[in-house]
Structures are given as C-alpha cells and as structure tokens.
C-alpha cells in the first residue's frame, strides 16, 4: 500500500491543522521528481514485491497535474507489481475538480475519488473556510460519479458550532441523493492553532454540547444503515461493496509506505538488513524534504522500531475501529504464541465489557458491537491495560 502526499493547498481552512502549505507558486516538476525518487528508494529499502493500493492524500492532491500523478504511478508500476485492478484513490476538493482535470486523473490511472465536500450548506462552508459553495460541491460529486462510477466517496463534517441536529440530518439526506456508494463522516475536532478553535475558545462561537454530538452521530449511523450502507468502520459507510480497500489496509495493520512531506509509514525495511516493523515519518516541510530526497534519495526524518507489544497495541486500536474487528488470523500474525482468547478471554476488563454489551469475543475474533463503536475511545484504555498485563 502506497500513500503519496501532496502538501499544498490554495488556502488554509479554519479547522485544519494538517501538514499543508499555501505558497505563491509550486515547483511541480521538482516535487514530482522527488516523489518519484522517494518511491524508488523506499521500494528498494522495503523490497515490496506487489502494491495492493495507492492513495494520493494531502494537502490538496487534486491541485497537482494529472501528469505528476501518472509519473508516480509509473514509478510504482516500474519497480513493483501494480495489478491492473489495484485501487488508486485521489483526494479532491470541489474547487479543483473541473471536468477536464478529473478526466485527466482518470486517464493517469486514478480509479477512485474521495471528495472533501465537508458540508452542503453555504453558511457552514464559510464557517469552515472552504473555497467552494454547496452548488459547486454538488456539481463535483455528480461529475465524479459519472467518471468514477461506484468509486466516488464524499467526506462530511458534523458538530460545527451552532449546527443543529435537524440541519445535520437535512444535509445528510441531500448527500445521500448525490453519493450512494461511500460516505465518510467526521466529528469536527477543535485543533490548537486553528482559527475556528480560537473563535470557539475565545467565546465568539458556541461549543457544541457533547450530548448533541452523540445524537448527531447516532442519527447519521441510523440514517445510512437504513439506506443500505454498511457501517464498516467508525467513520465510514459503504453500499454495494464499495469499501475503501486502501483504508482497510491501515485498520488491518498491513504494511504501508508513506511518500512525500509529512507522510507516515509502517513497513519492514528488509533492504537495510533489518527485519522488524518500523514506524516512519518523512520530513514535514516541503523544501527541506526535497533537499533531503535530492541528497540521499528519501526524506525520512524519524524511524522507530516497533516492539512486539507496540505492534499488538496498534493491531488492537485499529482493528476495533472496524465492524469485522480483530480476527484470530490477523492477531496470530503478530502474536503467534499468545492468542486473543489467552489475552482477552480471561477474567478482566474485556470480560466486563462483554458483560455490559459493548464487546464480543467469539470464533470470529474480538470486535465492538454496533453500540460499542461509538464508545471505542473510552473502551480502548482498559483493553490496552489488559493487553499490557498479558
């Protein structure tokens, strides 16, 4: 699994603290060449033989040219096996999703589009600092649905200051009329250093009540499930089998390689004589990252060898986000000597959570019940404590 990052945006949204940069001009030729070079270096270091999916994230990767995207895909395909049907996703903003540009991305090899709609209400979009209007978002989703049939996803945010449950429910119904395959829902998180957080914490905007946030989430889940969507991950819903296979690879704790400024990865770097899974983070700032790639082939800033316990903690925390949970087979790949039953089937926190109806441990593995998914953040600490004791 590959995760190329395009770090540039045209403006900074009021809620966003991602690693993104607004610059007067982007040297796209240099950025593209460095992405390709880092792809080749990390492929050699990881000795990956086959790539199951590619995800162009950002920033706003739809601001890159289709030629840059094609160059990265050609580099991956030239150095490893990239199956013809592999999922290739590109994140796009409605403001950079013209028909010509999206058609160019499809010709370059992109076969799935994830559109950052966030809201279908103009006042909410202004509050979020988005560039696009609700009408532009609607046109972008309709256009993408024609170019990428069955492989278009839209992101929506709930829990905005002043947003009502009814307004959220109405927006969701409009979204359902536009996108009937994949929808991702995210609760707004107020991040330190963002304009929206400063307004809320400074008293200029109201703080959304916790009970309203929970009600919004449960309302959305019920609405989507009744419309035939599978609630396959805490924030993700899919119909007609349109699950994001790339994101599933994260939640299933598979290897992934991050390329580009600020990208994260988890892989075993066999090419350096090491045989332990590493967490890797690439240099954040684009110009510094490019200098490092040009001088040594990659811009890895931090490498941490993950201990067996740290790997199991990730398997647990990520796997329980999904409706399939942590299967016995997947757990066994990381813990051949200590089964799920041996760790969580004994008296302790997991047994109590099962008794309360939040958790299930059976022949399929360990997973949250539907009601437990919404409470996962509060359940995890107890489970991690039990794992550490085991």
Protein backbone atom coordinates (compact mmCIF):
# COMPACT_ATOMS: atom_id res chain seq x y z
CA UNK A 1 0.00 0.00 0.00
CA UNK A 2 1.35 3.41 -1.05
CA UNK A 3 0.44 6.83 0.33
CA UNK A 4 1.90 9.71 -1.75
CA UNK A 5 1.29 13.11 -0.10
CA UNK A 6 0.78 16.40 -1.97
CA UNK A 7 1.32 19.04 0.76
CA UNK A 8 0.00 22.17 -0.96
CA UNK A 9 -3.38 23.91 -0.69
CA UNK A 10 -4.74 27.15 -2.13
CA UNK A 11 -5.85 28.32 1.32
CA UNK A 12 -5.89 27.08 4.90
CA UNK A 13 -9.34 26.06 6.13
CA UNK A 14 -10.38 27.40 9.54
CA UNK A 15 -10.44 23.95 11.20
CA UNK A 16 -7.40 22.28 9.63
CA UNK A 17 -4.02 21.62 11.27
CA UNK A 18 -2.76 19.07 8.74
CA UNK A 19 0.73 19.35 7.29
CA UNK A 20 -0.22 21.68 4.44
CA UNK A 21 1.34 24.73 2.83
CA UNK A 22 -0.06 27.71 0.96
CA UNK A 23 2.65 29.11 -1.32
CA UNK A 24 2.63 31.65 -4.20
CA UNK A 25 3.95 29.08 -6.69
CA UNK A 26 4.73 25.38 -6.58
CA UNK A 27 7.72 23.92 -8.44
CA UNK A 28 5.68 20.94 -9.55
CA UNK A 29 8.44 19.46 -11.71
CA UNK A 30 10.80 19.33 -8.72
CA UNK A 31 8.11 18.00 -6.38
CA UNK A 32 7.08 15.32 -8.88
CA UNK A 33 10.68 14.26 -9.48
CA UNK A 34 11.28 13.96 -5.72
CA UNK A 35 8.11 11.93 -5.19
CA UNK A 36 9.25 9.53 -7.91
CA UNK A 37 12.76 9.28 -6.46
CA UNK A 38 11.47 8.62 -2.93
CA UNK A 39 9.09 5.97 -4.30
CA UNK A 40 12.01 4.14 -5.91
CA UNK A 41 14.24 4.45 -2.83
CA UNK A 42 11.64 3.21 -0.37
CA UNK A 43 10.57 0.39 -2.67
CA UNK A 44 14.19 -0.76 -2.74
CA UNK A 45 14.56 -0.46 1.04
CA UNK A 46 11.31 -2.30 1.72
CA UNK A 47 11.74 -4.86 -1.08
CA UNK A 48 7.98 -4.74 -1.62
CA UNK A 49 7.07 -7.04 -4.49
CA UNK A 50 3.42 -6.10 -5.04
CA UNK A 51 1.37 -2.97 -4.31
CA UNK A 52 -2.30 -3.51 -3.46
CA UNK A 53 -3.45 0.13 -3.41
CA UNK A 54 -2.29 3.72 -3.82
CA UNK A 55 -3.80 6.76 -2.07
CA UNK A 56 -2.89 10.32 -3.10
CA UNK A 57 -3.56 12.44 0.01
CA UNK A 58 -2.69 15.92 1.11
CA UNK A 59 -2.91 18.85 1.24
CA UNK A 60 -4.96 19.03 -1.92
CA UNK A 61 -3.59 16.48 -4.41
CA UNK A 62 -6.22 17.49 -6.99
CA UNK A 63 -4.11 20.66 -7.39
CA UNK A 64 -1.30 18.54 -8.82
CA UNK A 65 -1.35 17.92 -12.55
CA UNK A 66 -2.53 14.54 -13.89
CA UNK A 67 0.96 14.19 -15.38
CA UNK A 68 2.55 14.26 -11.91
CA UNK A 69 0.11 11.62 -10.68
CA UNK A 70 0.82 9.49 -13.75
CA UNK A 71 4.58 9.78 -13.13
CA UNK A 72 4.27 8.47 -9.57
CA UNK A 73 2.08 5.57 -10.68
CA UNK A 74 4.50 4.72 -13.48
CA UNK A 75 7.39 4.68 -10.97
CA UNK A 76 5.49 2.30 -8.68
CA UNK A 77 4.46 0.03 -11.55
CA UNK A 78 8.01 0.01 -12.95
CA UNK A 79 9.62 -1.07 -9.66
CA UNK A 80 6.94 -3.41 -8.28
CA UNK A 81 3.82 -5.25 -9.36
CA UNK A 82 0.83 -2.89 -9.51
CA UNK A 83 -2.14 -5.08 -10.51
CA UNK A 84 -4.48 -3.69 -13.16
CA UNK A 85 -7.39 -3.66 -10.69
CA UNK A 86 -5.50 -2.09 -7.78
CA UNK A 87 -7.42 0.72 -6.08
CA UNK A 88 -5.88 4.12 -6.89
CA UNK A 89 -7.57 6.90 -4.91
CA UNK A 90 -7.10 10.64 -5.16
CA UNK A 91 -8.42 13.17 -2.65
CA UNK A 92 -10.06 16.12 -4.38
CA UNK A 93 -11.62 19.42 -3.40
CA UNK A 94 -14.68 20.62 -5.35
CA UNK A 95 -12.81 23.83 -6.23
CA UNK A 96 -10.16 21.85 -8.15
CA UNK A 97 -12.44 19.27 -9.76
CA UNK A 98 -13.16 20.55 -13.25
CA UNK A 99 -14.33 18.01 -15.87
CA UNK A 100 -11.02 18.24 -17.75
CA UNK A 101 -8.93 17.79 -14.60
CA UNK A 102 -10.91 14.80 -13.33
CA UNK A 103 -10.84 13.18 -16.77
CA UNK A 104 -7.08 13.72 -16.78
CA UNK A 105 -6.73 11.97 -13.42
CA UNK A 106 -8.77 9.04 -14.69
CA UNK A 107 -6.54 8.79 -17.79
CA UNK A 108 -3.48 8.91 -15.48
CA UNK A 109 -4.66 5.78 -13.65
CA UNK A 110 -6.82 7.08 -10.78
CA UNK A 111 -9.93 4.90 -10.37
CA UNK A 112 -11.43 6.20 -7.10
CA UNK A 113 -12.12 9.75 -5.97
CA UNK A 114 -12.56 10.96 -2.39
CA UNK A 115 -14.15 14.42 -2.40
CA UNK A 116 -13.76 16.80 0.53
CA UNK A 117 -17.29 18.20 0.45
CA UNK A 118 -17.49 18.69 4.27
CA UNK A 119 -20.90 20.40 4.06
CA UNK A 120 -23.69 21.12 1.59
CA UNK A 121 -24.68 24.36 3.31
CA UNK A 122 -23.10 27.64 2.20
CA UNK A 123 -23.08 29.21 5.67
CA UNK A 124 -21.36 26.13 7.13
CA UNK A 125 -18.82 26.12 4.31
CA UNK A 126 -17.97 29.77 5.04
CA UNK A 127 -17.55 28.92 8.73
CA UNK A 128 -15.16 26.13 7.79
CA UNK A 129 -13.22 28.44 5.46
CA UNK A 130 -13.81 26.24 2.43
CA UNK A 131 -13.25 27.65 -1.07
CA UNK A 132 -16.27 26.02 -2.69
CA UNK A 133 -20.01 26.60 -2.49
CA UNK A 134 -22.68 23.95 -1.92
CA UNK A 135 -23.63 24.13 -5.61
CA UNK A 136 -20.02 23.58 -6.67
CA UNK A 137 -19.76 20.61 -4.31
CA UNK A 138 -22.90 19.09 -5.76
CA UNK A 139 -21.61 19.51 -9.33
CA UNK A 140 -18.25 17.96 -8.40
CA UNK A 141 -19.85 14.88 -6.84
CA UNK A 142 -22.19 14.39 -9.80
CA UNK A 143 -19.29 14.76 -12.24
CA UNK A 144 -17.13 12.33 -10.26
CA UNK A 145 -19.97 9.82 -10.11
CA UNK A 146 -20.04 9.75 -13.92
CA UNK A 147 -16.27 9.43 -14.32
CA UNK A 148 -15.71 7.02 -11.40
CA UNK A 149 -19.00 5.07 -11.17
CA UNK A 150 -19.30 3.19 -7.90
CA UNK A 151 -15.94 4.54 -6.77
CA UNK A 152 -16.76 8.04 -5.58
CA UNK A 153 -16.71 8.93 -1.88
CA UNK A 154 -17.60 12.13 -0.08
CA UNK A 155 -16.45 13.46 3.31
CA UNK A 156 -18.85 15.31 5.61
CA UNK A 157 -18.17 17.07 8.93
CA UNK A 158 -20.66 17.35 11.80
CA UNK A 159 -20.60 19.10 15.16
CA UNK A 160 -19.96 22.61 13.84
CA UNK A 161 -20.52 25.48 16.29
CA UNK A 162 -24.22 26.37 16.18
CA UNK A 163 -25.15 23.41 13.95
CA UNK A 164 -28.47 21.80 14.87
CA UNK A 165 -29.39 18.13 14.71
CA UNK A 166 -32.10 18.91 12.14
CA UNK A 167 -29.72 20.87 9.89
CA UNK A 168 -27.25 17.96 10.01
CA UNK A 169 -30.00 15.45 9.19
CA UNK A 170 -31.19 17.55 6.23
CA UNK A 171 -27.66 17.85 4.87
CA UNK A 172 -27.17 14.12 5.16
CA UNK A 173 -30.35 13.44 3.17
CA UNK A 174 -29.08 15.74 0.40
CA UNK A 175 -25.74 13.92 0.45
CA UNK A 176 -27.48 10.57 0.11
CA UNK A 177 -29.16 11.82 -3.04
CA UNK A 178 -25.75 12.66 -4.51
CA UNK A 179 -23.48 9.80 -3.44
CA UNK A 180 -24.89 6.33 -2.92
CA UNK A 181 -21.70 4.26 -2.60
CA UNK A 182 -19.33 5.61 0.06
CA UNK A 183 -19.66 8.35 2.68
CA UNK A 184 -17.19 9.28 5.45
CA UNK A 185 -18.44 11.23 8.47
CA UNK A 186 -16.10 13.10 10.79
CA UNK A 187 -16.89 14.94 14.00
CA UNK A 188 -15.26 18.37 14.00
CA UNK A 189 -12.19 18.40 16.23
CA UNK A 190 -11.07 21.78 17.51
CA UNK A 191 -7.31 21.79 16.98
CA UNK A 192 -4.94 24.15 18.77
CA UNK A 193 -3.60 26.79 16.41
CA UNK A 194 -6.60 26.86 14.08
CA UNK A 195 -8.82 29.90 13.51
CA UNK A 196 -12.02 28.01 14.37
CA UNK A 197 -10.66 26.77 17.70
CA UNK A 198 -9.61 30.33 18.62
CA UNK A 199 -13.14 31.59 17.90
CA UNK A 200 -14.80 28.86 19.99
CA UNK A 201 -12.35 29.00 22.89
CA UNK A 202 -12.49 32.79 22.82
CA UNK A 203 -16.27 32.72 23.24
CA UNK A 204 -17.13 34.11 19.80
CA UNK A 205 -18.74 30.84 18.71
CA UNK A 206 -20.69 28.32 20.84
CA UNK A 207 -19.18 25.00 21.94
CA UNK A 208 -21.27 22.09 20.60
CA UNK A 209 -22.74 20.12 23.56
CA UNK A 210 -21.45 16.55 23.94
CA UNK A 211 -24.94 15.03 24.04
CA UNK A 212 -25.81 16.79 20.76
CA UNK A 213 -22.64 15.46 19.13
CA UNK A 214 -23.51 11.91 20.18
CA UNK A 215 -27.07 12.38 18.91
CA UNK A 216 -25.78 13.65 15.54
CA UNK A 217 -23.52 10.62 15.17
CA UNK A 218 -26.22 8.09 16.09
CA UNK A 219 -28.73 9.83 13.81
CA UNK A 220 -26.29 9.63 10.89
CA UNK A 221 -25.49 5.97 11.54
CA UNK A 222 -29.17 5.04 11.66
CA UNK A 223 -29.95 7.05 8.52
CA UNK A 224 -27.14 5.50 6.48
CA UNK A 225 -27.72 1.94 7.67
CA UNK A 226 -31.43 2.20 6.88
CA UNK A 227 -30.42 3.41 3.38
CA UNK A 228 -28.49 0.18 2.83
CA UNK A 229 -25.00 1.31 3.82
CA UNK A 230 -22.68 -0.99 5.75
CA UNK A 231 -21.17 0.77 8.77
CA UNK A 232 -17.83 -0.92 8.23
CA UNK A 233 -15.65 1.46 10.28
CA UNK A 234 -16.30 4.06 12.97
CA UNK A 235 -16.49 6.93 10.43
CA UNK A 236 -17.04 5.09 7.15
CA UNK A 237 -20.11 3.73 5.39
CA UNK A 238 -20.31 1.84 2.10
CA UNK A 239 -23.01 0.42 -0.17
CA UNK A 240 -22.77 -2.27 -2.84
CA UNK A 241 -19.35 -3.43 -1.66
CA UNK A 242 -17.73 -0.02 -2.24
CA UNK A 243 -15.45 -0.25 0.82
CA UNK A 244 -12.14 1.63 0.66
CA UNK A 245 -9.65 -1.22 0.37
CA UNK A 246 -6.79 1.21 0.95
CA UNK A 247 -8.13 2.40 4.30
CA UNK A 248 -8.95 -1.18 5.28
CA UNK A 249 -5.25 -1.94 4.89
CA UNK A 250 -4.50 0.58 7.69
CA UNK A 251 -7.14 -0.83 10.00
CA UNK A 252 -5.96 -4.38 9.28
CA UNK A 253 -2.40 -3.37 10.26
CA UNK A 254 -0.92 -4.20 6.87
CA UNK A 255 2.31 -2.60 5.66
CA UNK A 256 2.09 0.82 4.04
CA UNK A 257 4.71 3.17 2.67
CA UNK A 258 4.31 6.94 3.03
CA UNK A 259 5.91 9.15 0.38
CA UNK A 260 6.14 12.93 0.44
CA UNK A 261 6.37 15.68 3.09
CA UNK A 262 4.98 14.56 6.45
CA UNK A 263 3.91 11.13 5.21
CA UNK A 264 3.70 8.24 7.70
CA UNK A 265 4.54 4.60 7.03
CA UNK A 266 4.67 1.19 8.66
CA UNK A 267 6.86 -1.38 6.96
CA UNK A 268 9.71 -3.83 7.41
CA UNK A 269 12.88 -2.36 5.78
CA UNK A 270 14.48 -5.61 4.65
CA UNK A 271 16.76 -3.70 2.29
CA UNK A 272 18.80 -2.40 5.24
CA UNK A 273 19.27 -5.79 6.87
CA UNK A 274 16.57 -5.07 9.45
CA UNK A 275 13.66 -7.45 9.91
CA UNK A 276 11.45 -5.54 12.36
CA UNK A 277 8.45 -3.41 11.51
CA UNK A 278 9.21 0.32 11.70
CA UNK A 279 7.11 3.45 12.10
CA UNK A 280 8.47 6.07 9.71
CA UNK A 281 7.71 9.78 9.34
CA UNK A 282 9.00 11.87 6.44
CA UNK A 283 10.28 15.43 6.89
CA UNK A 284 7.36 17.85 7.21
CA UNK A 285 8.44 20.99 5.35
CA UNK A 286 8.36 20.52 1.55
CA UNK A 287 11.56 22.39 0.64
CA UNK A 288 13.56 20.65 3.36
CA UNK A 289 12.05 17.29 2.31
CA UNK A 290 13.04 17.91 -1.33
CA UNK A 291 16.62 18.76 -0.35
CA UNK A 292 16.88 15.50 1.60
CA UNK A 293 15.43 13.45 -1.24
CA UNK A 294 17.81 15.05 -3.72
CA UNK A 295 20.82 14.36 -1.48
CA UNK A 296 20.08 10.84 -0.19
CA UNK A 297 17.09 9.50 -2.09
CA UNK A 298 14.48 9.84 0.66
CA UNK A 299 13.31 12.30 3.30
CA UNK A 300 12.73 10.03 6.26
CA UNK A 301 13.07 12.19 9.36
CA UNK A 302 12.18 9.67 12.08
CA UNK A 303 12.40 5.88 12.29
CA UNK A 304 11.18 3.90 15.29
CA UNK A 305 11.40 0.11 15.52
CA UNK A 306 8.09 -1.05 16.98
CA UNK A 307 8.27 -3.54 19.84
CA UNK A 308 6.01 -6.63 19.72
CA UNK A 309 3.75 -5.00 22.33
CA UNK A 310 3.54 -1.73 20.36
CA UNK A 311 2.59 -3.68 17.25
CA UNK A 312 -0.19 -5.51 19.12
CA UNK A 313 -1.44 -2.21 20.54
CA UNK A 314 -1.77 -0.88 17.00
CA UNK A 315 -3.48 -4.08 15.79
CA UNK A 316 -6.00 -3.74 18.62
CA UNK A 317 -6.64 0.02 18.39
CA UNK A 318 -7.00 -0.01 14.60
CA UNK A 319 -8.81 -3.31 14.19
CA UNK A 320 -11.53 -2.50 16.70
CA UNK A 321 -12.49 0.53 14.58
CA UNK A 322 -13.97 -1.87 12.00
CA UNK A 323 -17.11 -3.98 12.12
CA UNK A 324 -15.01 -7.10 11.50
CA UNK A 325 -12.79 -6.28 14.47
CA UNK A 326 -9.52 -8.11 15.14
CA UNK A 327 -9.71 -11.58 13.63
CA UNK A 328 -7.91 -14.55 15.19
CA UNK A 329 -5.85 -14.92 12.00
CA UNK A 330 -4.66 -11.30 11.98
CA UNK A 331 -3.85 -11.36 15.69
CA UNK A 332 -1.91 -14.58 15.19
CA UNK A 333 0.36 -12.94 12.59
CA UNK A 334 1.60 -10.52 15.26
CA UNK A 335 1.17 -12.77 18.31
CA UNK A 336 1.84 -16.41 17.36
CA UNK A 337 2.37 -17.51 20.97
CA UNK A 338 -0.47 -15.71 22.77
CA UNK A 339 -3.98 -15.98 21.31
CA UNK A 340 -6.82 -13.49 21.59
CA UNK A 341 -8.52 -15.94 23.95
CA UNK A 342 -5.43 -16.15 26.14
CA UNK A 343 -5.27 -12.35 26.49
CA UNK A 344 -8.91 -11.27 26.50
CA UNK A 345 -10.86 -14.47 27.24
CA UNK A 346 -9.85 -14.48 30.91
CA UNK A 347 -11.50 -12.52 33.76
CA UNK A 348 -10.70 -8.82 33.36
CA UNK A 349 -11.66 -5.68 31.52
CA UNK A 350 -12.63 -7.39 28.24
CA UNK A 351 -14.93 -9.83 30.00
CA UNK A 352 -16.62 -6.95 31.82
CA UNK A 353 -17.08 -5.04 28.55
CA UNK A 354 -18.63 -8.17 27.03
CA UNK A 355 -20.99 -8.46 30.00
CA UNK A 356 -22.01 -4.82 29.51
CA UNK A 357 -22.77 -5.50 25.84
CA UNK A 358 -20.08 -3.35 24.23
CA UNK A 359 -17.67 -6.06 23.07
CA UNK A 360 -17.77 -9.57 21.56
CA UNK A 361 -15.11 -12.30 21.65
CA UNK A 362 -16.08 -15.38 19.67
CA UNK A 363 -14.95 -17.61 16.82
CA UNK A 364 -14.60 -14.59 14.52
CA UNK A 365 -12.29 -12.68 16.85
CA UNK A 366 -12.61 -9.60 19.05
CA UNK A 367 -14.90 -6.78 17.94
CA UNK A 368 -17.14 -3.99 19.15
CA UNK A 369 -20.88 -4.30 18.97
CA UNK A 370 -22.52 -1.54 16.94
CA UNK A 371 -23.19 0.45 20.13
CA UNK A 372 -19.58 -0.01 21.22
CA UNK A 373 -18.09 1.55 18.07
CA UNK A 374 -19.27 4.98 19.18
CA UNK A 375 -17.56 4.48 22.57
CA UNK A 376 -14.33 2.95 21.31
CA UNK A 377 -12.11 5.78 22.58
CA UNK A 378 -13.36 5.19 26.12
CA UNK A 379 -13.13 1.37 25.86
CA UNK A 380 -9.59 1.17 24.49
CA UNK A 381 -7.61 2.24 27.58
CA UNK A 382 -8.99 -0.70 29.62
CA UNK A 383 -8.26 -3.16 26.81
CA UNK A 384 -4.73 -1.83 26.36
CA UNK A 385 -4.14 -2.23 30.11
CA UNK A 386 -5.27 -5.86 29.89
CA UNK A 387 -3.01 -6.44 26.89
CA UNK A 388 -0.01 -4.97 28.70
CA UNK A 389 -0.60 -7.30 31.64
CA UNK A 390 -0.92 -10.28 29.34
